[in-house]
Amino acid sequence: MDDELFNKLKQLALTVYKTIDEGISNGTIQTNDVIFHKWKVDKLQYTDTGIKDYGSHIEYVTKKSIAIDEIIESIENSNEFFSALDELNSVFGKSNKLSNNLKNFLGRFIYRCLSNLKFEVIDNDIVIAAFLKDLRGEPVKYGAKVELQGIELRSEKIDIVEGITLRQPKIEDLEKEFREPWFITKHRFHPSAILDIEFLTRNANEIDTRIEQAIVIFRLFKVGGVKCTTYQLYSDSITDLMATGTVTSHDTSAVHDTLFITPEDELKLKSFWSKVNDSIPESFYHTSITKADYTTIAYNRYSDALLQNGIFERRIANAIMGLEALYFKPLGEMQELAYRLRIRVSKLLSILGYNPYEVKERINEAYGVRSTFLHGGQLDSTKKNKLESKYKGTLLLSVLDYLRISIIVNILILKEKEEFIDLIDDSLLDGKKEELLNSIISGAKEF
């Protein structure tokens, strides 16, 4: 590290503190009152099945605001600013970008002063060190506090892997301040869980990727309509102006099935995360990827069944279409589709510990519902009540679970689709083929 550059940046930081302190004292820096709307939590009870008792009201909070443009202009004309800029140009080579980066550095310290934070020398050193990492292109800390719906946990916190923690919401997570009243309505839904993500990177866009990837893993771990509603970004980066703030999802879909994580699930979740994290196709969470293979189509139908229109027939149809994407060959299979599907699914899942007769029966019933829906019909009340009574309301969840585990198998094995389907068919008649199938999918058994 260049000691001379470090010292000149420290002098610039001290100039910021001195300018603001003197300006407020002699009245040259004026403060204005700004009213914020704050959600104040009156009560919060998080039980084994999530938030059950919650109450809040709106309070009005008055804060001091200072226009910083004149402060920035004053300090940009100081000897300390030009001295630091000259040293930057000497170390990194002269460029207009360096001047803009130094202004960002200046703005960060001004913001820190106006936020009434306590300033220690070590705090300044940390910010200066982060700024120099930015200039050298070295990784710095990025993170996000992600508000989730559709997932609840019994433990207060689960450390899943390094840098990723899932936890119950706290009062401070729910007490938010908003400058504009309409944000109150926009953020009216409280989260059922908080996901904290933190890592080193140079790419702020990686935050979005990691959040979407985490949601995919949760949905595949157990059946549950997990979704992100809002996340707050933060970073040690001084030069990346897009690395802080709040992002709100425009997803208005409803959560129909909640994922409950019990203490017994925690070790399984950690193992599952480590197992599938690197195997999930990017197309599962990057919507910009337009060329989707059969596993992506299956996952999209699975997500639709979890979150989209809650009509029973539509959700069953989406689940069956997801299975069809995995278990049907693209060409040459136009007959006995229901038969082929229930035989193949029941065979594969029997190796994973499912009852094949139960799987076959439920796939058959669900396929009938799917056909009714796709041909423009709906089940009459008598048929729907019969299914409800026969399966005690679990038919849809069962088919979703079959699809979930089938997706996992297909992303973990190293087999082409048609080759894998042929192996399933051959295993019905050939013991050696069955042993081979068993060996191939053994890695998915624990899930």
Protein backbone atom coordinates (compact mmCIF):
# COMPACT_ATOMS: atom_id res chain seq x y z
CA MET A 1 0.00 0.00 0.00
CA ASP A 2 1.30 3.54 -0.85
CA ASP A 3 1.69 5.21 2.57
CA GLU A 4 1.75 8.67 1.06
CA LEU A 5 -1.53 8.09 -0.78
CA PHE A 6 -3.12 6.58 2.32
CA ASN A 7 -2.12 9.59 4.43
CA LYS A 8 -3.43 12.10 1.89
CA LEU A 9 -6.79 10.32 1.73
CA LYS A 10 -6.92 10.39 5.52
CA GLN A 11 -6.27 14.14 5.47
CA LEU A 12 -9.11 14.57 2.99
CA ALA A 13 -11.44 12.64 5.32
CA LEU A 14 -10.45 14.87 8.24
CA THR A 15 -11.16 17.92 6.09
CA VAL A 16 -14.70 16.62 5.53
CA TYR A 17 -15.29 16.30 9.27
CA LYS A 18 -13.82 19.74 9.99
CA THR A 19 -15.82 21.47 7.22
CA ILE A 20 -19.14 20.04 8.36
CA ASP A 21 -18.47 20.63 12.05
CA GLU A 22 -17.50 24.26 11.49
CA GLY A 23 -20.32 24.85 9.02
CA ILE A 24 -22.98 23.65 11.43
CA SER A 25 -21.41 25.61 14.31
CA ASN A 26 -21.25 28.95 12.48
CA GLY A 27 -24.55 28.50 10.63
CA THR A 28 -23.17 28.39 7.09
CA ILE A 29 -24.58 24.87 6.73
CA GLN A 30 -28.36 24.93 7.15
CA THR A 31 -30.47 21.98 8.28
CA ASN A 32 -34.06 21.27 7.26
CA ASP A 33 -36.69 19.13 8.98
CA VAL A 34 -37.85 16.11 6.94
CA ILE A 35 -40.77 13.93 8.01
CA PHE A 36 -40.48 10.17 7.65
CA HIS A 37 -43.26 7.60 8.01
CA LYS A 38 -42.15 4.75 10.25
CA TRP A 39 -43.71 1.37 10.84
CA LYS A 40 -43.56 0.79 14.59
CA VAL A 41 -44.01 -2.84 15.70
CA ASP A 42 -46.25 -3.27 18.76
CA LYS A 43 -46.02 -7.04 19.01
CA LEU A 44 -44.33 -9.90 17.22
CA GLN A 45 -44.70 -13.59 17.97
CA TYR A 46 -42.89 -16.14 15.82
CA THR A 47 -44.07 -19.68 16.56
CA ASP A 48 -43.23 -23.10 15.12
CA THR A 49 -45.31 -22.20 12.08
CA GLY A 50 -44.09 -18.65 11.46
CA ILE A 51 -45.39 -15.22 12.46
CA LYS A 52 -48.74 -15.71 14.18
CA ASP A 53 -49.24 -12.59 16.26
CA TYR A 54 -48.23 -9.28 14.73
CA GLY A 55 -49.30 -5.69 15.32
CA SER A 56 -47.93 -2.35 14.17
CA HIS A 57 -48.83 1.29 13.69
CA ILE A 58 -47.47 4.28 11.77
CA GLU A 59 -45.39 6.91 13.52
CA TYR A 60 -44.09 10.20 12.13
CA VAL A 61 -40.38 10.80 12.65
CA THR A 62 -38.71 14.18 12.08
CA LYS A 63 -35.08 14.12 10.94
CA LYS A 64 -32.57 16.78 10.05
CA SER A 65 -31.57 17.02 6.39
CA ILE A 66 -28.65 18.93 4.92
CA ALA A 67 -28.14 19.80 1.28
CA ILE A 68 -24.67 18.45 0.53
CA ASP A 69 -23.98 20.06 -2.85
CA GLU A 70 -22.34 23.15 -1.35
CA ILE A 71 -20.29 20.97 1.02
CA ILE A 72 -19.01 18.87 -1.87
CA GLU A 73 -18.18 21.96 -3.94
CA SER A 74 -16.31 23.52 -1.03
CA ILE A 75 -14.18 20.44 -0.33
CA GLU A 76 -13.52 19.77 -4.04
CA ASN A 77 -11.78 23.14 -4.15
CA SER A 78 -9.63 22.39 -1.11
CA ASN A 79 -5.89 21.79 -1.16
CA GLU A 80 -6.47 18.38 0.45
CA PHE A 81 -8.68 17.26 -2.45
CA PHE A 82 -6.18 18.32 -5.14
CA SER A 83 -3.29 16.84 -3.17
CA ALA A 84 -5.07 13.47 -2.91
CA LEU A 85 -6.01 13.57 -6.61
CA ASP A 86 -2.42 14.32 -7.65
CA GLU A 87 -1.20 11.36 -5.62
CA LEU A 88 -3.88 9.09 -7.16
CA ASN A 89 -2.80 10.14 -10.65
CA SER A 90 0.79 9.46 -9.71
CA VAL A 91 0.05 5.95 -8.44
CA PHE A 92 -2.61 4.78 -10.92
CA GLY A 93 -2.07 6.99 -13.97
CA LYS A 94 -3.97 10.15 -14.79
CA SER A 95 -7.63 9.74 -15.88
CA ASN A 96 -11.01 11.45 -15.50
CA LYS A 97 -12.31 8.27 -13.88
CA LEU A 98 -9.97 8.75 -10.93
CA SER A 99 -11.39 12.20 -10.30
CA ASN A 100 -14.94 10.80 -10.27
CA ASN A 101 -13.90 7.97 -7.97
CA LEU A 102 -12.36 10.45 -5.53
CA LYS A 103 -15.61 12.43 -5.54
CA ASN A 104 -17.44 9.23 -4.65
CA PHE A 105 -14.98 8.71 -1.82
CA LEU A 106 -15.67 12.27 -0.70
CA GLY A 107 -19.43 11.72 -0.84
CA ARG A 108 -19.15 8.59 1.30
CA PHE A 109 -17.45 10.50 4.12
CA ILE A 110 -19.91 13.38 3.89
CA TYR A 111 -22.76 10.90 4.21
CA ARG A 112 -21.11 9.29 7.21
CA CYS A 113 -20.79 12.66 8.94
CA LEU A 114 -24.38 13.64 8.28
CA SER A 115 -25.63 10.27 9.55
CA ASN A 116 -24.39 11.22 13.03
CA LEU A 117 -22.18 8.14 13.23
CA LYS A 118 -19.27 7.84 15.63
CA PHE A 119 -15.99 8.17 13.81
CA GLU A 120 -12.93 6.30 14.94
CA VAL A 121 -9.56 6.38 13.20
CA ILE A 122 -9.94 2.65 12.49
CA ASP A 123 -13.27 3.34 10.71
CA ASN A 124 -11.54 5.83 8.43
CA ASP A 125 -8.76 3.37 7.73
CA ILE A 126 -11.25 0.67 6.75
CA VAL A 127 -13.05 2.95 4.28
CA ILE A 128 -9.76 4.16 2.79
CA ALA A 129 -8.53 0.57 2.44
CA ALA A 130 -11.80 -0.38 0.67
CA PHE A 131 -11.42 2.58 -1.68
CA LEU A 132 -7.91 1.49 -2.63
CA LYS A 133 -9.18 -2.06 -3.23
CA ASP A 134 -11.74 -0.60 -5.63
CA LEU A 135 -9.04 1.23 -7.53
CA ARG A 136 -6.91 -1.91 -7.77
CA GLY A 137 -9.86 -4.04 -8.87
CA GLU A 138 -9.64 -6.28 -5.80
CA PRO A 139 -12.76 -8.01 -4.40
CA VAL A 140 -14.63 -6.20 -1.62
CA LYS A 141 -17.54 -7.21 0.58
CA TYR A 142 -21.03 -7.14 -0.93
CA GLY A 143 -24.16 -8.31 0.82
CA ALA A 144 -27.93 -8.28 1.00
CA LYS A 145 -30.66 -8.71 3.58
CA VAL A 146 -33.36 -10.59 1.70
CA GLU A 147 -36.99 -10.71 2.82
CA LEU A 148 -38.61 -14.02 1.92
CA GLN A 149 -42.15 -15.35 1.90
CA GLY A 150 -43.18 -18.99 1.69
CA ILE A 151 -40.50 -20.32 4.05
CA GLU A 152 -40.54 -20.61 7.84
CA LEU A 153 -38.10 -22.11 10.32
CA ARG A 154 -38.33 -23.23 13.92
CA SER A 155 -34.77 -22.36 14.89
CA GLU A 156 -33.88 -18.70 15.30
CA LYS A 157 -31.04 -18.99 12.81
CA ILE A 158 -29.44 -21.50 10.45
CA ASP A 159 -25.90 -20.94 9.17
CA ILE A 160 -26.26 -22.79 5.86
CA VAL A 161 -22.84 -22.28 4.30
CA GLU A 162 -20.18 -19.62 4.73
CA GLY A 163 -21.72 -16.21 4.06
CA ILE A 164 -25.34 -17.46 3.88
CA THR A 165 -27.67 -17.44 6.89
CA LEU A 166 -31.41 -18.04 7.15
CA ARG A 167 -33.15 -16.63 10.21
CA GLN A 168 -36.43 -15.62 11.77
CA PRO A 169 -37.47 -11.97 11.35
CA LYS A 170 -36.75 -9.61 14.22
CA ILE A 171 -38.55 -6.44 15.21
CA GLU A 172 -35.76 -4.30 13.75
CA ASP A 173 -36.29 -6.05 10.39
CA LEU A 174 -39.92 -4.95 10.31
CA GLU A 175 -39.60 -1.38 11.63
CA LYS A 176 -38.96 0.59 8.45
CA GLU A 177 -38.88 4.26 7.59
CA PHE A 178 -40.28 5.69 4.35
CA ARG A 179 -39.94 9.19 2.95
CA GLU A 180 -43.02 8.81 0.76
CA PRO A 181 -46.37 7.55 2.22
CA TRP A 182 -47.12 5.28 -0.77
CA PHE A 183 -44.13 3.10 0.19
CA ILE A 184 -46.12 2.02 3.25
CA THR A 185 -48.61 0.24 0.99
CA LYS A 186 -45.87 -1.12 -1.26
CA HIS A 187 -44.08 -2.76 1.70
CA ARG A 188 -47.12 -3.83 3.69
CA PHE A 189 -46.32 -7.58 3.67
CA HIS A 190 -43.94 -8.73 6.37
CA PRO A 191 -41.42 -11.48 5.59
CA SER A 192 -41.71 -15.01 6.94
CA ALA A 193 -37.90 -15.38 6.99
CA ILE A 194 -34.75 -13.34 6.38
CA LEU A 195 -31.87 -14.54 4.22
CA ASP A 196 -28.54 -12.80 4.85
CA ILE A 197 -25.99 -13.14 2.05
CA GLU A 198 -22.43 -11.80 2.16
CA PHE A 199 -19.43 -12.47 -0.09
CA LEU A 200 -16.40 -10.92 -1.79
CA THR A 201 -16.76 -9.85 -5.41
CA ARG A 202 -16.18 -7.07 -7.92
CA ASN A 203 -19.57 -7.52 -9.57
CA ALA A 204 -22.64 -6.08 -7.84
CA ASN A 205 -24.92 -7.98 -10.25
CA GLU A 206 -23.78 -11.19 -8.59
CA ILE A 207 -26.07 -10.32 -5.66
CA ASP A 208 -29.17 -10.82 -7.82
CA THR A 209 -27.76 -14.10 -9.10
CA ARG A 210 -27.05 -15.44 -5.62
CA ILE A 211 -30.50 -14.49 -4.34
CA GLU A 212 -32.28 -16.17 -7.25
CA GLN A 213 -30.05 -19.21 -6.94
CA ALA A 214 -30.86 -19.47 -3.22
CA ILE A 215 -34.60 -19.36 -3.96
CA VAL A 216 -34.21 -22.20 -6.48
CA ILE A 217 -32.39 -24.30 -3.88
CA PHE A 218 -35.08 -23.69 -1.26
CA ARG A 219 -37.86 -24.66 -3.69
CA LEU A 220 -36.06 -27.86 -4.63
CA PHE A 221 -35.16 -28.80 -1.05
CA LYS A 222 -38.81 -29.33 -0.15
CA VAL A 223 -42.08 -28.33 -1.81
CA GLY A 224 -42.67 -24.66 -1.03
CA GLY A 225 -43.54 -21.47 -2.90
CA VAL A 226 -40.50 -19.52 -1.68
CA LYS A 227 -40.17 -16.02 -3.14
CA CYS A 228 -38.27 -12.79 -2.51
CA THR A 229 -40.30 -9.64 -1.87
CA THR A 230 -37.58 -7.09 -1.03
CA TYR A 231 -33.87 -6.98 -0.44
CA GLN A 232 -31.51 -4.34 0.93
CA LEU A 233 -28.08 -4.07 -0.66
CA TYR A 234 -24.89 -2.97 1.04
CA SER A 235 -21.22 -2.97 0.14
CA ASP A 236 -17.80 -1.81 1.24
CA SER A 237 -17.24 -0.53 -2.28
CA ILE A 238 -16.74 3.23 -2.50
CA THR A 239 -16.86 3.58 -6.27
CA ASP A 240 -19.90 1.37 -7.02
CA LEU A 241 -22.88 3.69 -6.57
CA MET A 242 -25.35 0.90 -7.39
CA ALA A 243 -24.23 -1.34 -4.52
CA THR A 244 -26.54 0.14 -1.88
CA GLY A 245 -30.29 0.64 -1.65
CA THR A 246 -33.52 -1.32 -1.55
CA VAL A 247 -34.91 -3.44 -4.39
CA THR A 248 -38.56 -4.45 -4.38
CA SER A 249 -39.87 -7.36 -6.45
CA HIS A 250 -42.77 -6.80 -8.85
CA ASP A 251 -43.84 -10.41 -8.43
CA THR A 252 -47.48 -10.40 -7.28
CA SER A 253 -47.93 -14.18 -7.22
CA ALA A 254 -49.39 -15.81 -4.13
CA VAL A 255 -47.72 -18.35 -1.88
CA HIS A 256 -49.90 -21.49 -1.74
CA ASP A 257 -47.53 -23.94 -0.05
CA THR A 258 -45.12 -22.94 2.70
CA LEU A 259 -41.77 -24.65 3.23
CA PHE A 260 -41.26 -25.50 6.92
CA ILE A 261 -37.70 -26.16 8.03
CA THR A 262 -37.58 -28.16 11.25
CA PRO A 263 -34.44 -28.69 13.38
CA GLU A 264 -34.23 -32.18 11.85
CA ASP A 265 -34.08 -30.60 8.38
CA GLU A 266 -31.15 -28.32 9.07
CA LEU A 267 -28.27 -30.72 8.44
CA LYS A 268 -30.08 -32.01 5.35
CA LEU A 269 -30.46 -28.45 4.07
CA LYS A 270 -26.74 -27.74 4.51
CA SER A 271 -25.82 -30.97 2.73
CA PHE A 272 -28.35 -30.35 -0.03
CA TRP A 273 -27.08 -26.81 -0.58
CA SER A 274 -23.49 -27.98 -0.95
CA LYS A 275 -24.57 -30.82 -3.25
CA VAL A 276 -26.72 -28.96 -5.77
CA ASN A 277 -25.39 -25.41 -5.66
CA ASP A 278 -22.95 -25.92 -8.52
CA SER A 279 -25.27 -28.24 -10.48
CA ILE A 280 -28.24 -25.92 -10.93
CA PRO A 281 -28.45 -24.68 -14.55
CA GLU A 282 -28.14 -20.91 -14.91
CA SER A 283 -31.39 -20.89 -16.87
CA PHE A 284 -33.25 -21.79 -13.64
CA TYR A 285 -32.54 -18.34 -12.24
CA HIS A 286 -31.35 -16.19 -15.20
CA THR A 287 -34.53 -15.24 -17.06
CA SER A 288 -32.42 -13.57 -19.75
CA ILE A 289 -31.34 -17.03 -20.97
CA THR A 290 -33.94 -17.73 -23.67
CA LYS A 291 -32.76 -21.18 -24.74
CA ALA A 292 -34.21 -23.49 -22.10
CA ASP A 293 -33.58 -27.24 -21.98
CA TYR A 294 -36.04 -29.80 -20.68
CA THR A 295 -34.91 -29.47 -17.04
CA THR A 296 -35.50 -25.71 -17.15
CA ILE A 297 -38.95 -26.22 -18.67
CA ALA A 298 -39.74 -28.69 -15.89
CA TYR A 299 -38.50 -26.28 -13.21
CA ASN A 300 -40.54 -23.41 -14.69
CA ARG A 301 -43.69 -25.55 -14.63
CA TYR A 302 -42.87 -26.52 -11.03
CA SER A 303 -42.56 -22.85 -10.06
CA ASP A 304 -45.80 -22.01 -11.87
CA ALA A 305 -47.58 -24.75 -9.94
CA LEU A 306 -46.18 -23.38 -6.67
CA LEU A 307 -46.98 -19.70 -7.17
CA GLN A 308 -49.30 -18.96 -10.06
CA ASN A 309 -53.11 -18.96 -10.24
CA GLY A 310 -54.33 -21.11 -7.35
CA ILE A 311 -56.95 -23.10 -9.29
CA PHE A 312 -56.44 -26.75 -8.36
CA GLU A 313 -56.73 -28.01 -11.95
CA ARG A 314 -54.23 -25.46 -13.29
CA ARG A 315 -51.66 -26.31 -10.62
CA ILE A 316 -52.03 -30.05 -11.27
CA ALA A 317 -51.70 -29.43 -15.02
CA ASN A 318 -48.48 -27.46 -14.53
CA ALA A 319 -47.03 -30.20 -12.33
CA ILE A 320 -47.87 -32.92 -14.86
CA MET A 321 -46.45 -30.85 -17.73
CA GLY A 322 -43.23 -30.53 -15.73
CA LEU A 323 -43.05 -34.32 -15.42
CA GLU A 324 -43.80 -34.70 -19.13
CA ALA A 325 -40.83 -32.46 -19.94
CA LEU A 326 -38.56 -34.87 -18.06
CA TYR A 327 -40.05 -38.28 -18.87
CA PHE A 328 -41.18 -37.97 -22.51
CA LYS A 329 -38.90 -38.11 -25.54
CA PRO A 330 -39.22 -35.09 -27.85
CA LEU A 331 -40.15 -37.22 -30.87
CA GLY A 332 -41.93 -40.49 -31.49
CA GLU A 333 -44.06 -40.77 -28.35
CA MET A 334 -47.62 -39.89 -29.25
CA GLN A 335 -49.59 -42.78 -27.74
CA GLU A 336 -50.23 -44.18 -24.27
CA LEU A 337 -48.77 -41.05 -22.73
CA ALA A 338 -50.48 -41.43 -19.36
CA TYR A 339 -49.31 -45.04 -19.15
CA ARG A 340 -45.72 -44.20 -20.08
CA LEU A 341 -45.58 -41.34 -17.57
CA ARG A 342 -46.91 -43.24 -14.56
CA ILE A 343 -44.71 -46.29 -15.26
CA ARG A 344 -41.51 -44.29 -15.70
CA VAL A 345 -42.09 -41.98 -12.71
CA SER A 346 -43.10 -44.84 -10.41
CA LYS A 347 -40.07 -46.90 -11.45
CA LEU A 348 -37.57 -44.13 -10.86
CA LEU A 349 -39.07 -43.05 -7.55
CA SER A 350 -39.35 -46.63 -6.30
CA ILE A 351 -35.55 -46.79 -6.33
CA LEU A 352 -35.54 -43.63 -4.20
CA GLY A 353 -37.81 -45.21 -1.58
CA TYR A 354 -41.28 -44.21 -2.79
CA ASN A 355 -44.15 -46.70 -2.96
CA PRO A 356 -44.44 -47.41 -6.72
CA TYR A 357 -48.11 -48.40 -6.56
CA GLU A 358 -49.01 -45.21 -4.75
CA VAL A 359 -46.97 -43.11 -7.20
CA LYS A 360 -48.58 -44.80 -10.19
CA GLU A 361 -52.08 -44.29 -8.82
CA ARG A 362 -51.55 -40.62 -8.01
CA ILE A 363 -49.93 -39.86 -11.36
CA ASN A 364 -52.89 -41.52 -13.07
CA GLU A 365 -55.42 -39.41 -11.12
CA ALA A 366 -53.42 -36.22 -11.71
CA TYR A 367 -53.10 -36.93 -15.42
CA GLY A 368 -56.87 -37.17 -15.64
CA VAL A 369 -57.21 -33.76 -13.96
CA ARG A 370 -54.61 -32.34 -16.34
CA SER A 371 -56.48 -33.65 -19.40
CA THR A 372 -59.76 -32.20 -18.16
CA PHE A 373 -58.19 -28.78 -17.66
CA LEU A 374 -56.28 -28.68 -20.95
CA HIS A 375 -59.46 -29.57 -22.83
CA GLY A 376 -61.23 -26.56 -21.34
CA GLY A 377 -63.01 -28.22 -18.43
CA GLN A 378 -62.96 -28.26 -14.66
CA LEU A 379 -63.73 -30.96 -12.16
CA ASP A 380 -67.28 -30.95 -10.85
CA SER A 381 -67.73 -30.70 -7.10
CA THR A 382 -68.47 -34.44 -6.77
CA LYS A 383 -65.19 -35.46 -8.45
CA LYS A 384 -63.18 -32.86 -6.55
CA ASN A 385 -64.64 -33.92 -3.21
CA LYS A 386 -63.90 -37.54 -4.04
CA LEU A 387 -60.24 -36.75 -4.72
CA GLU A 388 -60.07 -34.64 -1.58
CA SER A 389 -61.45 -37.47 0.53
CA LYS A 390 -59.38 -40.20 -1.11
CA TYR A 391 -56.02 -38.44 -0.79
CA LYS A 392 -56.83 -36.20 2.20
CA GLY A 393 -55.87 -33.12 0.21
CA THR A 394 -52.38 -34.38 -0.65
CA LEU A 395 -52.71 -35.24 -4.35
CA LEU A 396 -51.26 -31.97 -5.61
CA LEU A 397 -48.46 -31.92 -3.04
CA SER A 398 -47.54 -35.49 -3.91
CA VAL A 399 -47.27 -34.75 -7.63
CA LEU A 400 -45.25 -31.60 -6.89
CA ASP A 401 -42.90 -33.70 -4.77
CA TYR A 402 -42.50 -36.24 -7.59
CA LEU A 403 -41.61 -33.39 -9.94
CA ARG A 404 -39.23 -31.82 -7.41
CA ILE A 405 -37.20 -35.00 -6.88
CA SER A 406 -37.24 -35.76 -10.61
CA ILE A 407 -35.73 -32.35 -11.35
CA ILE A 408 -33.00 -32.97 -8.75
CA VAL A 409 -32.17 -36.35 -10.28
CA ASN A 410 -31.96 -34.90 -13.77
CA ILE A 411 -29.60 -32.07 -12.83
CA LEU A 412 -27.31 -34.37 -10.83
CA ILE A 413 -26.90 -37.26 -13.29
CA LEU A 414 -24.59 -37.02 -16.28
CA LYS A 415 -26.95 -38.56 -18.84
CA GLU A 416 -28.70 -37.27 -21.93
CA LYS A 417 -32.49 -37.21 -21.68
CA GLU A 418 -33.31 -39.96 -24.19
CA GLU A 419 -30.53 -42.19 -22.90
CA PHE A 420 -31.84 -41.82 -19.36
CA ILE A 421 -35.45 -42.54 -20.37
CA ASP A 422 -34.31 -45.66 -22.24
CA LEU A 423 -32.45 -46.79 -19.14
CA ILE A 424 -35.61 -46.40 -17.02
CA ASP A 425 -37.62 -48.42 -19.59
CA ASP A 426 -34.95 -51.14 -19.83
CA SER A 427 -34.69 -51.41 -16.04
CA LEU A 428 -38.26 -52.73 -15.99
CA LEU A 429 -37.05 -55.89 -17.76
CA ASP A 430 -33.30 -56.13 -17.19
CA GLY A 431 -31.81 -56.58 -13.72
CA LYS A 432 -28.41 -55.26 -14.78
CA LYS A 433 -30.01 -52.13 -16.22
CA GLU A 434 -31.86 -51.69 -12.93
CA GLU A 435 -28.56 -51.93 -11.03
CA LEU A 436 -27.05 -49.34 -13.36
CA LEU A 437 -30.04 -47.01 -12.85
CA ASN A 438 -29.77 -47.49 -9.11
CA SER A 439 -26.07 -46.58 -9.22
CA ILE A 440 -26.62 -43.50 -11.35
CA ILE A 441 -29.28 -41.95 -9.12
CA SER A 442 -27.79 -43.05 -5.79
CA GLY A 443 -26.53 -39.51 -5.15
CA ALA A 444 -30.11 -38.24 -4.99
CA LYS A 445 -31.34 -40.79 -2.45
CA GLU A 446 -30.57 -38.66 0.60
CA PHE A 447 -32.87 -35.95 -0.74
